Protein backbone atom coordinates (compact mmCIF):
# COMPACT_ATOMS: atom_id res chain seq x y z
CA UNK A 1 -46.70 -40.76 -26.51
CA UNK A 2 -47.90 -39.27 -23.32
CA UNK A 3 -44.76 -39.12 -21.10
CA UNK A 4 -42.52 -40.23 -23.71
CA UNK A 5 -39.96 -38.61 -25.81
CA UNK A 6 -40.37 -38.08 -29.54
CA UNK A 7 -37.59 -38.53 -32.10
CA UNK A 8 -36.48 -35.33 -33.65
CA UNK A 9 -36.77 -35.41 -37.35
CA UNK A 10 -33.41 -35.17 -39.16
CA UNK A 11 -32.22 -34.09 -42.62
CA UNK A 12 -29.40 -35.48 -44.97
CA UNK A 13 -28.51 -34.28 -47.95
CA UNK A 14 -25.74 -36.21 -50.27
CA UNK A 15 -24.26 -34.10 -52.96
CA UNK A 16 -22.60 -34.63 -56.19
CA UNK A 17 -19.09 -33.36 -57.23
CA UNK A 18 -19.86 -29.75 -58.22
CA UNK A 19 -22.76 -29.21 -56.02
CA UNK A 20 -22.61 -27.65 -52.74
CA UNK A 21 -25.27 -26.47 -50.20
CA UNK A 22 -26.29 -22.96 -49.86
CA UNK A 23 -27.46 -22.00 -46.69
CA UNK A 24 -29.56 -24.24 -43.86
CA UNK A 25 -32.45 -26.13 -44.15
CA UNK A 26 -35.84 -24.31 -44.26
CA UNK A 27 -38.47 -25.98 -41.98
CA UNK A 28 -41.71 -25.29 -40.41
CA UNK A 29 -41.98 -23.78 -37.01
CA UNK A 30 -43.52 -26.64 -35.27
CA UNK A 31 -46.14 -26.50 -32.64
CA UNK A 32 -45.34 -27.09 -29.05
CA UNK A 33 -45.82 -30.73 -27.91
CA UNK A 34 -48.82 -30.99 -25.16
CA UNK A 35 -46.68 -33.51 -23.39
CA UNK A 36 -43.42 -31.55 -23.32
CA UNK A 37 -43.99 -27.58 -24.38
CA UNK A 38 -40.21 -27.18 -25.09
CA UNK A 39 -40.52 -29.75 -27.71
CA UNK A 40 -41.65 -28.73 -31.20
CA UNK A 41 -44.01 -31.38 -33.25
CA UNK A 42 -45.01 -31.05 -36.88
CA UNK A 43 -48.52 -31.93 -38.12
CA UNK A 44 -50.02 -32.66 -41.24
CA UNK A 45 -47.92 -32.06 -44.46
CA UNK A 46 -44.41 -30.12 -44.11
CA UNK A 47 -42.27 -29.25 -46.50
CA UNK A 48 -38.28 -28.80 -45.73
CA UNK A 49 -36.25 -26.92 -48.28
CA UNK A 50 -32.56 -26.38 -49.03
CA UNK A 51 -30.90 -24.51 -51.55
CA UNK A 52 -27.86 -25.56 -53.58
CA UNK A 53 -25.30 -24.12 -55.63
CA UNK A 54 -24.55 -25.91 -58.85
CA UNK A 55 -21.14 -25.19 -60.24
CA UNK A 56 -19.90 -27.90 -62.66
CA UNK A 57 -21.91 -30.86 -61.82
CA UNK A 58 -21.34 -34.53 -63.63
CA UNK A 59 -24.11 -35.04 -66.19
CA UNK A 60 -26.41 -36.69 -64.98
CA UNK A 61 -26.54 -34.82 -61.43
CA UNK A 62 -28.23 -36.72 -58.82
CA UNK A 63 -28.34 -35.46 -55.08
CA UNK A 64 -29.88 -37.70 -52.38
CA UNK A 65 -32.09 -36.67 -49.55
CA UNK A 66 -32.67 -38.80 -46.22
CA UNK A 67 -35.29 -37.83 -43.76
CA UNK A 68 -35.32 -39.81 -40.47
CA UNK A 69 -38.74 -39.45 -38.98
CA UNK A 70 -41.11 -40.90 -36.34
CA UNK A 71 -44.78 -40.70 -36.60
CA UNK A 72 -46.68 -40.27 -33.17
CA UNK A 73 -50.22 -39.96 -32.00
CA UNK A 74 -51.33 -39.30 -28.12
CA UNK A 75 -51.40 -42.92 -27.47
CA UNK A 76 -48.14 -44.48 -29.39
CA UNK A 77 -45.49 -43.79 -31.72
CA UNK A 78 -45.26 -46.06 -34.81
CA UNK A 79 -41.27 -47.35 -35.39
CA UNK A 80 -38.72 -44.38 -36.84
CA UNK A 81 -38.50 -44.63 -40.56
CA UNK A 82 -36.45 -43.23 -43.27
CA UNK A 83 -37.70 -41.50 -46.42
CA UNK A 84 -35.07 -41.58 -49.18
CA UNK A 85 -35.41 -39.39 -52.33
CA UNK A 86 -33.06 -39.21 -55.37
CA UNK A 87 -33.14 -36.09 -57.40
CA UNK A 88 -32.02 -35.30 -60.72
CA UNK A 89 -30.75 -32.11 -61.57
CA UNK A 90 -31.51 -30.32 -64.73
CA UNK A 91 -29.70 -27.64 -66.36
CA UNK A 92 -27.81 -26.43 -69.43
């Protein structure tokens, strides 16, 4: 919203035993906010990725991603929300 601060998007990865991260999150660059050019915002559909290294995971191995975000327009923001996704790892 005009004159207000946007809530930063945060990402959390919950990994099972035998799985670890291999690098940092890859995120879109974002565009400068009209209200605060130092603040970057995302528009439209965005993709966040992070590589993981699988050593000896339990079967089945599931990891969980939690995205904490806020959707805003110029006049208002919706309440902050969390998106939770569980991903099952396939493998030999």
